[in-house]
Amino acid sequence: MTKREAVFPEGRQALYDNFKYSPAVRSAGFLFVSGQVGSREDGSPEPDLAKQAELAFENLNAVLDAAGCGFDDIVDFTVYLVDPETTLPLAMAAREKWWGEAPYPPLTGVGVTWLSGFSIELKVTAKLPENA
C-alpha cells in the first residue's frame, strides 16, 4: 500500500487543522492538491474578484512550492467557478503569470453554485520531480 504524506505551505497549518484536511498529499510519485481558493491569511475570502483569482493562484503556488513542484509539473488542472461568465475571464487572466510554456496541462472548468463564500477554486494533480 502506498503511504500518503501531507504537504503544508508555511503559515497556514492552523487553517487546515481547523477543517481537518491536508492542502496536498504526496503519493505514488504524484502530488494531489486540495482545492485552493483566494483566501486571506485568516481564511476569509478576498472580496475583490480579480484579486481573489490572483490569490487563489498564489495559494496554489505556495502548496506546489512546499512539495518541491511548480506549475510545469501539473498534469491535470480543474477550476471551479461560481458565475462562470464573470469569473472565468478573471481566472484565465490570473493564470497567465503562472502558466508557463506549452504544452499546457489539461484544463477542466466546472460551473458551480457554491464555494463556501469564494468564487474560484483551483484543484490540481502534479507529477513530483525525481528530487522532490
N, C-alpha and C. Protein backbone atom coordinates (compact mmCIF):
# COMPACT_ATOMS: atom_id res chain seq x y z
N MET A 1 0.83 -1.18 0.00
CA MET A 1 0.00 0.00 0.00
C MET A 1 0.89 1.25 0.00
N THR A 2 0.55 2.21 -0.84
CA THR A 2 1.29 3.46 -0.92
C THR A 2 0.93 4.37 0.25
N LYS A 3 1.95 4.90 0.89
CA LYS A 3 1.74 5.83 2.01
C LYS A 3 1.40 7.21 1.48
N ARG A 4 0.57 7.92 2.25
CA ARG A 4 0.29 9.32 1.96
C ARG A 4 1.16 10.18 2.87
N GLU A 5 1.71 11.26 2.31
CA GLU A 5 2.48 12.21 3.08
C GLU A 5 1.88 13.59 2.85
N ALA A 6 1.38 14.21 3.92
CA ALA A 6 0.76 15.53 3.80
C ALA A 6 1.83 16.60 3.54
N VAL A 7 1.45 17.59 2.76
CA VAL A 7 2.31 18.72 2.44
C VAL A 7 1.59 19.99 2.88
N PHE A 8 2.30 20.84 3.63
CA PHE A 8 1.71 22.07 4.13
C PHE A 8 2.58 23.26 3.74
N PRO A 9 1.95 24.30 3.13
CA PRO A 9 2.71 25.52 2.90
C PRO A 9 2.94 26.23 4.23
N GLU A 10 3.97 27.02 4.29
CA GLU A 10 4.31 27.73 5.52
C GLU A 10 3.20 28.70 5.92
N GLY A 11 2.88 28.71 7.21
CA GLY A 11 1.99 29.73 7.76
C GLY A 11 0.51 29.46 7.72
N ARG A 12 0.06 28.31 7.19
CA ARG A 12 -1.38 28.08 7.09
C ARG A 12 -1.82 26.78 7.77
N GLN A 13 -0.97 26.21 8.58
CA GLN A 13 -1.26 24.94 9.24
C GLN A 13 -2.56 25.00 10.05
N ALA A 14 -2.80 26.08 10.78
CA ALA A 14 -3.98 26.19 11.64
C ALA A 14 -5.26 26.12 10.82
N LEU A 15 -5.27 26.71 9.65
CA LEU A 15 -6.44 26.67 8.78
C LEU A 15 -6.79 25.24 8.42
N TYR A 16 -5.79 24.45 8.05
CA TYR A 16 -6.03 23.07 7.67
C TYR A 16 -6.37 22.20 8.88
N ASP A 17 -5.73 22.46 10.01
CA ASP A 17 -6.05 21.71 11.23
C ASP A 17 -7.49 21.95 11.63
N ASN A 18 -7.94 23.19 11.52
CA ASN A 18 -9.30 23.55 11.92
C ASN A 18 -10.35 22.79 11.10
N PHE A 19 -10.10 22.63 9.81
CA PHE A 19 -11.07 21.97 8.93
C PHE A 19 -10.72 20.50 8.65
N LYS A 20 -9.63 20.01 9.23
CA LYS A 20 -9.22 18.60 9.18
C LYS A 20 -9.05 18.05 7.75
N TYR A 21 -8.19 18.71 7.01
CA TYR A 21 -7.78 18.18 5.71
C TYR A 21 -6.37 18.65 5.41
N SER A 22 -5.76 18.03 4.44
CA SER A 22 -4.40 18.39 4.03
C SER A 22 -4.47 19.25 2.78
N PRO A 23 -3.62 20.25 2.68
CA PRO A 23 -3.60 21.06 1.45
C PRO A 23 -3.13 20.25 0.25
N ALA A 24 -2.29 19.25 0.50
CA ALA A 24 -1.83 18.37 -0.57
C ALA A 24 -1.29 17.09 0.05
N VAL A 25 -1.27 16.04 -0.76
CA VAL A 25 -0.73 14.75 -0.34
C VAL A 25 0.19 14.24 -1.44
N ARG A 26 1.40 13.82 -1.03
CA ARG A 26 2.31 13.11 -1.94
C ARG A 26 1.96 11.64 -1.87
N SER A 27 1.83 11.01 -3.03
CA SER A 27 1.56 9.57 -3.06
C SER A 27 1.89 9.04 -4.45
N ALA A 28 2.61 7.93 -4.49
CA ALA A 28 2.91 7.21 -5.73
C ALA A 28 3.51 8.11 -6.81
N GLY A 29 4.37 9.06 -6.42
CA GLY A 29 5.04 9.91 -7.38
C GLY A 29 4.24 11.11 -7.84
N PHE A 30 3.08 11.32 -7.25
CA PHE A 30 2.22 12.44 -7.63
C PHE A 30 1.90 13.30 -6.41
N LEU A 31 1.50 14.53 -6.69
CA LEU A 31 1.03 15.45 -5.67
C LEU A 31 -0.44 15.74 -5.97
N PHE A 32 -1.30 15.45 -5.02
CA PHE A 32 -2.73 15.68 -5.15
C PHE A 32 -3.06 16.89 -4.28
N VAL A 33 -3.45 17.99 -4.92
CA VAL A 33 -3.64 19.25 -4.21
C VAL A 33 -5.13 19.50 -3.97
N SER A 34 -5.48 19.80 -2.72
CA SER A 34 -6.84 20.20 -2.39
C SER A 34 -7.17 21.50 -3.12
N GLY A 35 -8.44 21.75 -3.33
CA GLY A 35 -8.87 22.98 -3.99
C GLY A 35 -8.33 24.20 -3.27
N GLN A 36 -7.68 25.07 -4.00
CA GLN A 36 -7.12 26.30 -3.45
C GLN A 36 -7.98 27.48 -3.87
N VAL A 37 -8.31 28.31 -2.91
CA VAL A 37 -9.17 29.47 -3.14
C VAL A 37 -8.41 30.75 -2.84
N GLY A 38 -9.03 31.86 -3.15
CA GLY A 38 -8.44 33.16 -2.89
C GLY A 38 -8.70 33.62 -1.47
N SER A 39 -8.14 32.86 -0.53
CA SER A 39 -8.35 33.20 0.88
C SER A 39 -7.19 34.02 1.39
N ARG A 40 -7.51 34.89 2.31
CA ARG A 40 -6.50 35.67 3.01
C ARG A 40 -5.86 34.78 4.06
N GLU A 41 -4.85 35.30 4.76
CA GLU A 41 -4.15 34.53 5.80
C GLU A 41 -5.10 33.94 6.83
N ASP A 42 -6.17 34.68 7.18
CA ASP A 42 -7.10 34.21 8.20
C ASP A 42 -8.15 33.24 7.64
N GLY A 43 -8.08 32.95 6.34
CA GLY A 43 -9.01 32.02 5.71
C GLY A 43 -10.23 32.68 5.11
N SER A 44 -10.40 33.98 5.29
CA SER A 44 -11.58 34.68 4.75
C SER A 44 -11.39 34.96 3.26
N PRO A 45 -12.51 35.03 2.52
CA PRO A 45 -12.42 35.32 1.08
C PRO A 45 -11.96 36.73 0.80
N GLU A 46 -11.12 36.88 -0.20
CA GLU A 46 -10.77 38.20 -0.73
C GLU A 46 -12.00 38.72 -1.47
N PRO A 47 -12.56 39.88 -1.09
CA PRO A 47 -13.80 40.34 -1.70
C PRO A 47 -13.68 40.79 -3.16
N ASP A 48 -12.53 41.33 -3.58
CA ASP A 48 -12.34 41.76 -4.95
C ASP A 48 -12.10 40.51 -5.81
N LEU A 49 -12.97 40.25 -6.80
CA LEU A 49 -12.90 39.00 -7.57
C LEU A 49 -11.59 38.84 -8.35
N ALA A 50 -11.09 39.89 -8.94
CA ALA A 50 -9.81 39.77 -9.68
C ALA A 50 -8.68 39.43 -8.71
N LYS A 51 -8.66 40.08 -7.56
CA LYS A 51 -7.64 39.78 -6.56
C LYS A 51 -7.84 38.39 -5.97
N GLN A 52 -9.10 37.97 -5.84
CA GLN A 52 -9.38 36.62 -5.34
C GLN A 52 -8.80 35.58 -6.29
N ALA A 53 -8.93 35.80 -7.59
CA ALA A 53 -8.36 34.88 -8.58
C ALA A 53 -6.85 34.85 -8.46
N GLU A 54 -6.22 36.01 -8.36
CA GLU A 54 -4.77 36.08 -8.22
C GLU A 54 -4.30 35.38 -6.94
N LEU A 55 -5.03 35.59 -5.87
CA LEU A 55 -4.68 34.98 -4.59
C LEU A 55 -4.84 33.46 -4.63
N ALA A 56 -5.84 32.97 -5.35
CA ALA A 56 -6.01 31.52 -5.49
C ALA A 56 -4.78 30.91 -6.15
N PHE A 57 -4.26 31.57 -7.20
CA PHE A 57 -3.05 31.07 -7.86
C PHE A 57 -1.84 31.20 -6.95
N GLU A 58 -1.75 32.27 -6.18
CA GLU A 58 -0.64 32.42 -5.23
C GLU A 58 -0.69 31.32 -4.16
N ASN A 59 -1.89 31.02 -3.66
CA ASN A 59 -2.03 29.96 -2.66
C ASN A 59 -1.70 28.60 -3.26
N LEU A 60 -2.12 28.36 -4.50
CA LEU A 60 -1.77 27.12 -5.18
C LEU A 60 -0.25 27.02 -5.35
N ASN A 61 0.37 28.11 -5.75
CA ASN A 61 1.82 28.11 -5.91
C ASN A 61 2.53 27.78 -4.60
N ALA A 62 2.02 28.30 -3.49
CA ALA A 62 2.64 28.03 -2.18
C ALA A 62 2.59 26.54 -1.85
N VAL A 63 1.48 25.88 -2.18
CA VAL A 63 1.37 24.44 -1.92
C VAL A 63 2.31 23.67 -2.84
N LEU A 64 2.33 24.01 -4.12
CA LEU A 64 3.24 23.35 -5.06
C LEU A 64 4.69 23.52 -4.61
N ASP A 65 5.05 24.73 -4.22
CA ASP A 65 6.41 25.03 -3.79
C ASP A 65 6.79 24.23 -2.55
N ALA A 66 5.85 24.09 -1.61
CA ALA A 66 6.12 23.33 -0.39
C ALA A 66 6.43 21.86 -0.69
N ALA A 67 5.94 21.37 -1.83
CA ALA A 67 6.17 19.98 -2.23
C ALA A 67 7.37 19.84 -3.17
N GLY A 68 8.00 20.95 -3.52
CA GLY A 68 9.12 20.90 -4.45
C GLY A 68 8.68 20.86 -5.90
N CYS A 69 7.46 21.31 -6.17
CA CYS A 69 6.89 21.32 -7.52
C CYS A 69 6.70 22.75 -8.00
N GLY A 70 6.33 22.83 -9.26
CA GLY A 70 5.95 24.11 -9.84
C GLY A 70 4.82 23.88 -10.83
N PHE A 71 4.40 24.95 -11.48
CA PHE A 71 3.30 24.84 -12.43
C PHE A 71 3.64 23.94 -13.61
N ASP A 72 4.90 23.83 -13.98
CA ASP A 72 5.30 22.95 -15.08
C ASP A 72 5.10 21.47 -14.75
N ASP A 73 4.93 21.15 -13.47
CA ASP A 73 4.73 19.76 -13.05
C ASP A 73 3.27 19.34 -13.04
N ILE A 74 2.36 20.28 -13.26
CA ILE A 74 0.92 19.97 -13.22
C ILE A 74 0.55 19.10 -14.42
N VAL A 75 -0.16 18.00 -14.14
CA VAL A 75 -0.62 17.11 -15.20
C VAL A 75 -2.14 17.10 -15.35
N ASP A 76 -2.84 17.73 -14.41
CA ASP A 76 -4.29 17.85 -14.52
C ASP A 76 -4.73 19.07 -13.71
N PHE A 77 -5.59 19.88 -14.30
CA PHE A 77 -5.99 21.15 -13.68
C PHE A 77 -7.50 21.29 -13.80
N THR A 78 -8.17 21.52 -12.67
CA THR A 78 -9.61 21.76 -12.67
C THR A 78 -9.88 23.09 -11.97
N VAL A 79 -10.70 23.90 -12.59
CA VAL A 79 -11.10 25.17 -11.98
C VAL A 79 -12.62 25.14 -11.79
N TYR A 80 -13.03 25.44 -10.57
CA TYR A 80 -14.45 25.51 -10.22
C TYR A 80 -14.82 26.99 -10.11
N LEU A 81 -15.95 27.36 -10.73
CA LEU A 81 -16.31 28.77 -10.83
C LEU A 81 -17.77 29.00 -10.48
N VAL A 82 -18.02 29.92 -9.56
CA VAL A 82 -19.37 30.43 -9.34
C VAL A 82 -19.54 31.56 -10.35
N ASP A 83 -20.67 31.59 -11.05
CA ASP A 83 -20.92 32.60 -12.09
C ASP A 83 -19.79 32.60 -13.12
N PRO A 84 -19.64 31.50 -13.87
CA PRO A 84 -18.52 31.35 -14.80
C PRO A 84 -18.37 32.47 -15.83
N GLU A 85 -19.46 33.06 -16.28
CA GLU A 85 -19.34 34.13 -17.27
C GLU A 85 -18.56 35.32 -16.73
N THR A 86 -18.66 35.56 -15.43
CA THR A 86 -17.93 36.65 -14.79
C THR A 86 -16.55 36.21 -14.33
N THR A 87 -16.46 35.03 -13.73
CA THR A 87 -15.23 34.63 -13.07
C THR A 87 -14.21 33.94 -13.98
N LEU A 88 -14.64 33.28 -15.04
CA LEU A 88 -13.68 32.60 -15.92
C LEU A 88 -12.66 33.57 -16.52
N PRO A 89 -13.08 34.71 -17.07
CA PRO A 89 -12.07 35.63 -17.60
C PRO A 89 -11.07 36.10 -16.53
N LEU A 90 -11.53 36.28 -15.30
CA LEU A 90 -10.63 36.70 -14.22
C LEU A 90 -9.64 35.60 -13.88
N ALA A 91 -10.12 34.36 -13.83
CA ALA A 91 -9.24 33.22 -13.53
C ALA A 91 -8.21 33.04 -14.64
N MET A 92 -8.64 33.18 -15.89
CA MET A 92 -7.71 32.99 -17.00
C MET A 92 -6.69 34.12 -17.07
N ALA A 93 -7.08 35.34 -16.70
CA ALA A 93 -6.13 36.45 -16.66
C ALA A 93 -5.09 36.22 -15.55
N ALA A 94 -5.53 35.76 -14.39
CA ALA A 94 -4.61 35.50 -13.27
C ALA A 94 -3.67 34.35 -13.61
N ARG A 95 -4.15 33.39 -14.37
CA ARG A 95 -3.36 32.22 -14.75
C ARG A 95 -2.11 32.59 -15.53
N GLU A 96 -2.17 33.64 -16.33
CA GLU A 96 -1.08 33.97 -17.25
C GLU A 96 0.27 34.15 -16.54
N LYS A 97 0.26 34.68 -15.33
CA LYS A 97 1.50 34.89 -14.59
C LYS A 97 2.19 33.57 -14.26
N TRP A 98 1.42 32.50 -14.11
CA TRP A 98 1.92 31.23 -13.61
C TRP A 98 2.03 30.13 -14.65
N TRP A 99 1.35 30.26 -15.75
CA TRP A 99 1.09 29.13 -16.64
C TRP A 99 2.32 28.54 -17.31
N GLY A 100 3.30 29.35 -17.68
CA GLY A 100 4.49 28.81 -18.32
C GLY A 100 4.29 28.58 -19.81
N GLU A 101 5.16 27.74 -20.34
CA GLU A 101 5.18 27.47 -21.77
C GLU A 101 4.40 26.22 -22.13
N ALA A 102 4.00 26.12 -23.38
CA ALA A 102 3.33 24.92 -23.90
C ALA A 102 4.33 23.76 -23.85
N PRO A 103 3.89 22.55 -23.72
CA PRO A 103 2.48 22.15 -23.70
C PRO A 103 1.85 22.44 -22.34
N TYR A 104 0.62 22.90 -22.38
CA TYR A 104 -0.11 23.24 -21.16
C TYR A 104 -0.80 22.01 -20.61
N PRO A 105 -1.09 22.01 -19.30
CA PRO A 105 -1.79 20.85 -18.74
C PRO A 105 -3.25 20.82 -19.20
N PRO A 106 -3.88 19.64 -19.14
CA PRO A 106 -5.30 19.59 -19.44
C PRO A 106 -6.04 20.47 -18.44
N LEU A 107 -7.09 21.12 -18.88
CA LEU A 107 -7.84 22.04 -18.03
C LEU A 107 -9.33 21.74 -18.16
N THR A 108 -9.98 21.59 -17.02
CA THR A 108 -11.42 21.40 -16.98
C THR A 108 -12.03 22.52 -16.16
N GLY A 109 -13.02 23.20 -16.71
CA GLY A 109 -13.75 24.24 -16.00
C GLY A 109 -15.12 23.73 -15.63
N VAL A 110 -15.51 23.95 -14.38
CA VAL A 110 -16.80 23.47 -13.88
C VAL A 110 -17.54 24.63 -13.24
N GLY A 111 -18.74 24.91 -13.73
CA GLY A 111 -19.59 25.92 -13.11
C GLY A 111 -20.31 25.31 -11.91
N VAL A 112 -20.26 26.00 -10.79
CA VAL A 112 -20.89 25.53 -9.55
C VAL A 112 -21.73 26.65 -8.96
N THR A 113 -22.57 26.30 -7.99
CA THR A 113 -23.42 27.31 -7.37
C THR A 113 -22.90 27.79 -6.02
N TRP A 114 -21.93 27.07 -5.44
CA TRP A 114 -21.48 27.44 -4.10
C TRP A 114 -20.06 26.96 -3.86
N LEU A 115 -19.23 27.84 -3.31
CA LEU A 115 -17.86 27.51 -2.92
C LEU A 115 -17.54 28.11 -1.55
N SER A 116 -18.47 28.02 -0.64
CA SER A 116 -18.26 28.48 0.74
C SER A 116 -17.78 29.93 0.82
N GLY A 117 -18.41 30.80 0.05
CA GLY A 117 -18.06 32.22 0.09
C GLY A 117 -17.03 32.65 -0.93
N PHE A 118 -16.46 31.71 -1.67
CA PHE A 118 -15.47 32.02 -2.70
C PHE A 118 -16.11 31.92 -4.07
N SER A 119 -15.43 32.45 -5.08
CA SER A 119 -15.95 32.40 -6.45
C SER A 119 -15.11 31.53 -7.37
N ILE A 120 -13.87 31.23 -6.96
CA ILE A 120 -12.94 30.46 -7.79
C ILE A 120 -12.20 29.47 -6.90
N GLU A 121 -12.10 28.24 -7.37
CA GLU A 121 -11.32 27.22 -6.66
C GLU A 121 -10.50 26.45 -7.68
N LEU A 122 -9.21 26.22 -7.35
CA LEU A 122 -8.27 25.56 -8.25
C LEU A 122 -7.83 24.23 -7.65
N LYS A 123 -7.98 23.16 -8.42
CA LYS A 123 -7.58 21.82 -7.96
C LYS A 123 -6.66 21.22 -8.99
N VAL A 124 -5.50 20.70 -8.54
CA VAL A 124 -4.55 20.13 -9.49
C VAL A 124 -3.97 18.82 -8.99
N THR A 125 -3.45 18.08 -9.95
CA THR A 125 -2.58 16.93 -9.70
C THR A 125 -1.27 17.23 -10.42
N ALA A 126 -0.16 17.03 -9.72
CA ALA A 126 1.15 17.29 -10.31
C ALA A 126 2.02 16.05 -10.20
N LYS A 127 2.91 15.86 -11.15
CA LYS A 127 3.90 14.80 -11.10
C LYS A 127 5.07 15.33 -10.30
N LEU A 128 5.43 14.62 -9.23
CA LEU A 128 6.55 15.04 -8.41
C LEU A 128 7.86 14.88 -9.17
N PRO A 129 8.72 15.90 -9.15
CA PRO A 129 10.04 15.74 -9.77
C PRO A 129 10.82 14.66 -9.02
N GLU A 130 11.78 14.08 -9.67
CA GLU A 130 12.58 12.99 -9.08
C GLU A 130 13.20 13.41 -7.76
N ASN A 131 13.60 14.66 -7.62
CA ASN A 131 14.28 15.12 -6.41
C ASN A 131 13.35 15.66 -5.33
N ALA A 132 12.04 15.64 -5.57
CA ALA A 132 11.09 16.21 -4.57
C ALA A 132 10.75 15.21 -3.49
